[in-house]
Amino acid sequence: MRAAPADSSPTGSPHLLRPHAEQAYADELAALAAADTRQRPPSWRLSPWAVVTYLLGGELDDGTVVSAKYIGSRRLVEVAVATLATDRALLLLGSPGTAKTWLSEHLAAAISGDSTLVVQGTAGTSEDAVRYGWNYARLIAEGPSPAALVPSPVMRAMTTGSVARVEELTRMGAEVQDALITVLSEKTLPIPELSSEVQAVAGFTVIATANDRDRGVNEMSSALRRRFNTVVLPLPASEDAEVEIVTRRVAEIGRSLALPDEPPPVDEVRRVVRIFRELRAGVTGDGRTTLKSPTATLSTAEAISVITGGMTLATHFGDGRLGAEDIAAGLLGAVIKDPSTDPVVWREYLEGVVRDRASWADLYRACRDLEEDGALASPGGA
C-alpha cells in the first residue's frame, strides 16, 4: 500500500511545489472571466483586454485585486497579446532571465486555461515532439491507426483551439524547427501514414521562446522567422523595477517552500540586484569605475535564486532574517561560472567596489570569509 504524502493539505491533497499558472491564479482568472464583457477571439477564455489585465495587474469593478505577473512595458504586452489574436505565432526573444518562459506560461493560462501543452527544445528534441509519435505496441499489433497515434502537444493544441508553447526554439535542430512551418502557415498537420491530416481549430496558436545569446546554435530559417511576430523582452529598465520583480517572485517562491511570510529585506535584494546590474553593464552605477564582466549572464532569474537560497539558509540555519552571510555563497555561485576567468573578475569587483562601500562592510567580510574557507577557486585550479 502506498503511503500518504508526508506534506499534504488538510483535505488530503498534496502540496504542489510549483503549480501551473492556471492553478496558482485560478481565483483571479475566474474573477476576470466573470467581469469580462469585452469581445473574445474564438476559443479564448478571456478578452485581450482581460489577458493584459491578468498579466500586468489591476483592480476589477467588484474590488478584486489582480496581481501583476509581469513588470514591464504595457505596450510590449499589448503587442504580444494582439499578435496571438491574429493568425500569426508569437516569438518571445531575449536574454536569459527576461521572463520569456514565465510570460509564455501566463499567456497560455489566460488565453486557453491550459499552460501545459509544451515542447521543450533541446539538442535531442525530435520531430515527434512537434508532430506526433506512435504507440509501438499497438503499431506492431494493428498497424498505423488513429488509436496507435500519440499526439504531440502541438497537435493537441490544434484539435482544441489552444495555445501550444515551444520553449528554447533555437536549441532544437533545423529539421525539427522546420516541422513547424506547415503547421504555422497552413494550420494543418499532415499524417501521411493515415492518409489524413489534422486541421487547427480556431484559437490555435504557438508561443515560442528563444535566447538571443544562442545565436549560432541552431539559427531559425527565414521561412520559419516569417511565421512569427517577434517581441523582444528587455532586461528590467531600472534598478527599482528589478528589485520589485525579485521581491515579488521570492515571496511567491517562499510560500511554496514554506519559508516565512515576511518578504526579504529590500536592502539585501537591492545589493544583489546592484551587483548583478553593475557586473552586467561593466561599470558601476555612478559611472566612475569600469568593470570586467564575468561569463555568467547574471539575470534577474539568478538574482531571485540567490535571494531564495539566502532566505532558506537564514530560515533553517540562522535567525530567520536574511543577511550578508546568507547571500554571499549564492553570489559567488552566480558570478563564478568559468573557474579560469571569473574568480579574477569577482576579486577585482570585491576589492575595488564592495570594500569601498561603507554600508557593504558586512557583505565584504562575508565574501572574504568564504574565500578564506576555500569557496573561491584559484584561476586554473580544480
Foldseek 3Di string as FASTA:
>chain_A
DDDQDPAPDPVSHHQDLDDQPCVVCVVLLVVQLVQAPDDPFPQFSHRLVSLLCLQQWDAGPVGDTRDHQADDDSVLSSVQSVQLSDLFAAEEEEAPQLCQVSSQRSSQCRTNVDSPLEAEAAQPDDLCQVAWDFQVVCCVVPNDDPVGIGGHSLLVCQVNLGEHEYEALQNYAAVSLVQCLCCSPVVKHDDVRVRGIGHGDHNYHYYYYHYPVCPPSHDHDPSSVVRYDYRYRYADPDLVSLLVVLQVVLLVSCVSVVADNDTAPSVVLSVLSQVLVCLQVQAHPVRPDGAHHAPANSHSVLSSVLVNQLQVCCRPPHVNHRDLLSNLLSSCVRQDDDLQPRLVRVVCCLVVPQCPPVVNVVNSVSNVVCVVVVSRDHHVGD
